[in-house]
Amino acid sequence: MTRVIQHPLRLAFVCAGVIVAVGGFAIAGSEFADTELSGWIEALSTLVALLAATTAAAYAAGAFRLEIDRDEERRSEKRAAQAGLVSVWGSATYQDVQQDGRMLAHLGKVLIDIRNASQLPVTQMVVTMHAAAAQGDPYDLRMGPERAFLGEHRFHNVPPTDHAIPIQLSRPGVADFVNELRRTDPGATAVLLISMRFRDAAGIVWHRSEIGELTQVKPA
C-alpha cells in the first residue's frame, strides 16, 4: 500500500517544486520581473503548489479509508471464524407398535447435540426442527415438499465446550409425520432437518441453514 501511494505524492511534490523554482528564476532574472507576465508566473506557481497539497491530502485520505476497510475485513473474518465453530446436529427416533394389523410409530423424540467450540460464549440461540420426506439413498437424499414443523428450542447462553451438549426432546410430531408418510408415500424416508440462529460475543446474529450454510443476519 505504501509504495503505491508514495509515487504519486512524490511526483506531485517534485513537479510543484520544479515549476515553482522555474517560476522564481524566471521572475528574478527576467527583464519582465515587474510586468504582467511575472504576476501570471507567480499565480501559476501558487496554483501548482495548491494542487500538490490537494493531491497529497486526497491520497492520504484514500490510504486512511483503505486501512479502515482492511481493519473491518479482519474483524469480520474473526467474527466468522468464531461463528463457524458453533454447530448443531441431531436425529429423530420413534418406536413402532403393531396396531390393527399394521405398524404405527409412536413416542417420537428428537435428539440434538450442540457444540460451541470457540473461545467465547454465544447467546440467544434458537434451534428450529422439521421432519421432511426424502427420496434416494442416505448419502444423496432429495428433499420433497412434504415437511412438518417440530418446534423450536431456545438457549439463553451456550458456553465454550470441548464436547457436544446432548439434549433429548419429546416431539410427538415425529411419529405423526412417519405415520402419514407411510400412508401417502411408502418409498420415502423421514429425515430430521435442523437450522439455528444465535448471537456471537460481538452482538452479531448468525444463521446456520439446514444444509449447514452459515450466513450473517443483517439488521432489519
Protein backbone atom coordinates (compact mmCIF):
# COMPACT_ATOMS: atom_id res chain seq x y z
CA MET A 1 0.00 0.00 0.00
CA THR A 2 2.77 2.49 0.96
CA ARG A 3 4.69 2.07 -2.27
CA VAL A 4 1.64 2.67 -4.41
CA ILE A 5 0.78 5.93 -2.65
CA GLN A 6 4.29 7.35 -2.33
CA HIS A 7 4.96 7.58 -6.07
CA PRO A 8 2.05 9.92 -6.97
CA LEU A 9 2.81 12.08 -3.93
CA ARG A 10 6.49 12.27 -4.75
CA LEU A 11 5.71 13.13 -8.37
CA ALA A 12 3.29 15.87 -7.35
CA PHE A 13 5.77 17.46 -4.97
CA VAL A 14 8.63 17.25 -7.47
CA CYS A 15 6.54 18.82 -10.21
CA ALA A 16 5.39 21.57 -7.88
CA GLY A 17 8.95 22.27 -6.77
CA VAL A 18 10.30 22.39 -10.30
CA ILE A 19 7.59 24.73 -11.55
CA VAL A 20 7.87 26.99 -8.52
CA ALA A 21 11.65 27.10 -8.87
CA VAL A 22 11.48 27.82 -12.59
CA GLY A 23 8.95 30.49 -11.96
CA GLY A 24 11.14 32.05 -9.30
CA PHE A 25 14.23 32.07 -11.51
CA ALA A 26 12.22 33.45 -14.38
CA ILE A 27 10.95 36.28 -12.24
CA ALA A 28 14.30 37.07 -10.67
CA GLY A 29 16.35 37.03 -13.85
CA SER A 30 13.93 38.36 -16.37
CA GLU A 31 13.61 41.89 -17.51
CA PHE A 32 9.88 41.31 -17.25
CA ALA A 33 10.03 40.84 -13.48
CA ASP A 34 7.74 43.79 -12.87
CA THR A 35 5.43 43.14 -15.77
CA GLU A 36 2.09 41.32 -16.01
CA LEU A 37 3.98 38.15 -17.02
CA SER A 38 5.64 37.92 -13.62
CA GLY A 39 2.24 38.05 -11.95
CA TRP A 40 1.00 35.18 -14.10
CA ILE A 41 4.05 33.11 -13.24
CA GLU A 42 3.56 33.74 -9.52
CA ALA A 43 -0.10 32.76 -9.79
CA LEU A 44 0.78 29.60 -11.69
CA SER A 45 3.35 28.61 -9.06
CA THR A 46 0.81 29.13 -6.29
CA LEU A 47 -1.78 27.08 -8.17
CA VAL A 48 0.61 24.18 -8.71
CA ALA A 49 1.60 24.19 -5.04
CA LEU A 50 -2.08 24.13 -4.08
CA LEU A 51 -2.72 21.22 -6.45
CA ALA A 52 0.20 19.31 -4.95
CA ALA A 53 -1.17 19.83 -1.44
CA THR A 54 -4.65 18.78 -2.54
CA THR A 55 -3.25 15.65 -4.20
CA ALA A 56 -1.31 14.75 -1.07
CA ALA A 57 -4.43 15.19 1.08
CA ALA A 58 -6.53 13.07 -1.29
CA TYR A 59 -4.06 10.20 -1.29
CA ALA A 60 -3.67 10.38 2.48
CA ALA A 61 -7.47 10.19 2.89
CA GLY A 62 -7.57 7.24 0.49
CA ALA A 63 -4.89 5.43 2.45
CA PHE A 64 -6.80 6.05 5.68
CA ARG A 65 -10.05 4.69 4.21
CA LEU A 66 -8.22 1.67 2.83
CA GLU A 67 -6.76 0.87 6.23
CA ILE A 68 -10.18 1.22 7.88
CA ASP A 69 -11.69 -1.16 5.31
CA ARG A 70 -8.91 -3.68 5.92
CA ASP A 71 -9.42 -3.47 9.69
CA GLU A 72 -13.15 -4.09 9.26
CA GLU A 73 -12.44 -7.01 6.94
CA ARG A 74 -10.12 -8.55 9.53
CA ARG A 75 -12.75 -8.10 12.24
CA SER A 76 -15.41 -9.70 10.01
CA GLU A 77 -13.16 -12.67 9.32
CA LYS A 78 -12.51 -13.07 13.05
CA ARG A 79 -16.24 -12.99 13.84
CA ALA A 80 -17.00 -15.50 11.07
CA ALA A 81 -14.26 -17.77 12.41
CA GLN A 82 -15.92 -17.82 15.84
CA ALA A 83 -19.40 -18.37 14.39
CA GLY A 84 -18.08 -21.22 12.24
CA LEU A 85 -17.17 -23.13 15.40
CA VAL A 86 -20.80 -23.19 16.62
CA SER A 87 -22.74 -26.18 15.33
CA VAL A 88 -25.80 -28.34 15.91
CA TRP A 89 -26.81 -31.76 14.62
CA GLY A 90 -29.29 -34.43 15.62
CA SER A 91 -31.61 -37.28 14.80
CA ALA A 92 -35.22 -38.27 15.29
CA THR A 93 -36.38 -41.53 16.86
CA TYR A 94 -39.68 -43.32 17.42
CA GLN A 95 -40.98 -46.71 18.40
CA ASP A 96 -43.06 -49.00 16.20
CA VAL A 97 -46.08 -50.80 17.60
CA GLN A 98 -48.45 -53.26 15.95
CA GLN A 99 -51.99 -51.95 15.80
CA ASP A 100 -54.91 -53.34 13.76
CA GLY A 101 -52.56 -55.37 11.64
CA ARG A 102 -50.24 -52.53 10.70
CA MET A 103 -47.18 -50.80 12.11
CA LEU A 104 -47.67 -47.43 13.75
CA ALA A 105 -44.95 -45.11 15.00
CA HIS A 106 -45.32 -43.51 18.41
CA LEU A 107 -43.21 -41.89 21.16
CA GLY A 108 -41.46 -39.56 18.77
CA LYS A 109 -38.30 -37.87 20.07
CA VAL A 110 -35.60 -35.57 18.76
CA LEU A 111 -32.01 -35.91 19.93
CA ILE A 112 -29.86 -32.85 19.25
CA ASP A 113 -26.22 -32.11 20.00
CA ILE A 114 -24.97 -28.55 20.34
CA ARG A 115 -21.35 -27.52 20.45
CA ASN A 116 -19.65 -24.17 20.84
CA ALA A 117 -16.01 -24.93 20.04
CA SER A 118 -14.98 -21.28 20.06
CA GLN A 119 -13.36 -19.49 22.98
CA LEU A 120 -16.32 -17.18 23.64
CA PRO A 121 -19.95 -17.82 24.63
CA VAL A 122 -22.86 -17.34 22.25
CA THR A 123 -26.34 -16.24 23.31
CA GLN A 124 -29.98 -16.23 22.21
CA MET A 125 -29.66 -19.48 20.29
CA VAL A 126 -32.82 -20.77 18.61
CA VAL A 127 -32.79 -24.29 17.15
CA THR A 128 -35.58 -24.98 14.62
CA MET A 129 -36.56 -28.55 13.71
CA HIS A 130 -38.53 -30.01 10.80
CA ALA A 131 -39.32 -33.54 9.70
CA ALA A 132 -39.03 -33.94 5.95
CA ALA A 133 -39.65 -36.60 3.32
CA ALA A 134 -36.68 -37.64 1.20
CA GLN A 135 -36.08 -39.98 -1.71
CA GLY A 136 -32.82 -41.71 -2.66
CA ASP A 137 -30.01 -43.37 -0.80
CA PRO A 138 -28.88 -41.98 2.59
CA TYR A 139 -25.92 -40.16 1.02
CA ASP A 140 -27.89 -38.45 -1.74
CA LEU A 141 -31.29 -37.59 -0.34
CA ARG A 142 -33.63 -35.47 -2.45
CA MET A 143 -35.97 -33.48 -0.25
CA GLY A 144 -39.58 -33.31 -1.33
CA PRO A 145 -42.12 -30.64 -0.41
CA GLU A 146 -43.57 -32.70 2.43
CA ARG A 147 -42.37 -31.47 5.81
CA ALA A 148 -43.69 -30.92 9.31
CA PHE A 149 -42.67 -28.28 11.83
CA LEU A 150 -41.41 -29.93 15.03
CA GLY A 151 -40.95 -26.76 17.04
CA GLU A 152 -38.09 -24.67 18.33
CA HIS A 153 -35.78 -24.96 21.30
CA ARG A 154 -34.14 -21.88 22.83
CA PHE A 155 -30.90 -21.47 24.74
CA HIS A 156 -30.13 -18.24 26.53
CA ASN A 157 -26.41 -18.93 26.76
CA VAL A 158 -24.14 -21.60 25.23
CA PRO A 159 -20.67 -21.54 26.82
CA PRO A 160 -17.49 -22.76 25.14
CA THR A 161 -17.07 -26.53 25.49
CA ASP A 162 -14.69 -29.19 24.22
CA HIS A 163 -17.57 -31.62 23.73
CA ALA A 164 -21.13 -31.61 22.41
CA ILE A 165 -24.07 -30.95 24.73
CA PRO A 166 -26.73 -33.65 24.15
CA ILE A 167 -30.40 -32.74 24.54
CA GLN A 168 -33.41 -35.04 24.22
CA LEU A 169 -36.78 -33.54 23.35
CA SER A 170 -40.17 -35.20 23.22
CA ARG A 171 -41.69 -34.49 19.80
CA PRO A 172 -44.90 -36.44 19.03
CA GLY A 173 -44.90 -34.79 15.62
CA VAL A 174 -42.09 -37.14 14.56
CA ALA A 175 -44.33 -40.20 14.91
CA ASP A 176 -47.26 -38.39 13.31
CA PHE A 177 -45.14 -37.48 10.29
CA VAL A 178 -43.78 -41.00 9.91
CA ASN A 179 -47.27 -42.50 10.03
CA GLU A 180 -48.56 -40.04 7.44
CA LEU A 181 -45.57 -40.67 5.21
CA ARG A 182 -46.07 -44.44 5.39
CA ARG A 183 -49.66 -43.93 4.27
CA THR A 184 -49.04 -41.47 1.42
CA ASP A 185 -45.51 -42.29 0.19
CA PRO A 186 -44.22 -45.66 1.48
CA GLY A 187 -40.99 -45.37 -0.51
CA ALA A 188 -39.92 -42.14 1.15
CA THR A 189 -37.63 -41.73 4.15
CA ALA A 190 -38.35 -39.44 7.09
CA VAL A 191 -35.35 -37.27 7.98
CA LEU A 192 -34.70 -34.55 10.54
CA LEU A 193 -33.74 -31.07 9.33
CA ILE A 194 -32.20 -28.61 11.80
CA SER A 195 -31.35 -24.93 11.48
CA MET A 196 -30.32 -22.38 14.09
CA ARG A 197 -29.79 -18.71 14.85
CA PHE A 198 -27.50 -17.29 17.51
CA ARG A 199 -25.74 -14.11 18.60
CA ASP A 200 -21.95 -14.08 18.92
CA ALA A 201 -19.84 -12.28 21.53
CA ALA A 202 -19.73 -9.14 19.37
CA GLY A 203 -23.53 -9.00 19.12
CA ILE A 204 -23.67 -10.21 15.50
CA VAL A 205 -26.55 -12.56 14.64
CA TRP A 206 -25.78 -15.65 12.54
CA HIS A 207 -27.93 -18.26 10.83
CA ARG A 208 -26.88 -21.81 10.01
CA SER A 209 -29.20 -23.39 7.46
CA GLU A 210 -30.50 -26.95 7.28
CA ILE A 211 -27.62 -27.79 4.93
CA GLY A 212 -25.02 -26.20 7.21
CA GLU A 213 -24.50 -22.93 5.35
CA LEU A 214 -23.50 -20.10 7.71
CA THR A 215 -24.60 -16.52 6.95
CA GLN A 216 -24.61 -13.28 8.87
CA VAL A 217 -28.09 -11.87 9.53
CA LYS A 218 -28.22 -8.21 8.53
CA PRO A 219 -30.01 -5.84 10.93
CA ALA A 220 -33.56 -5.02 9.85
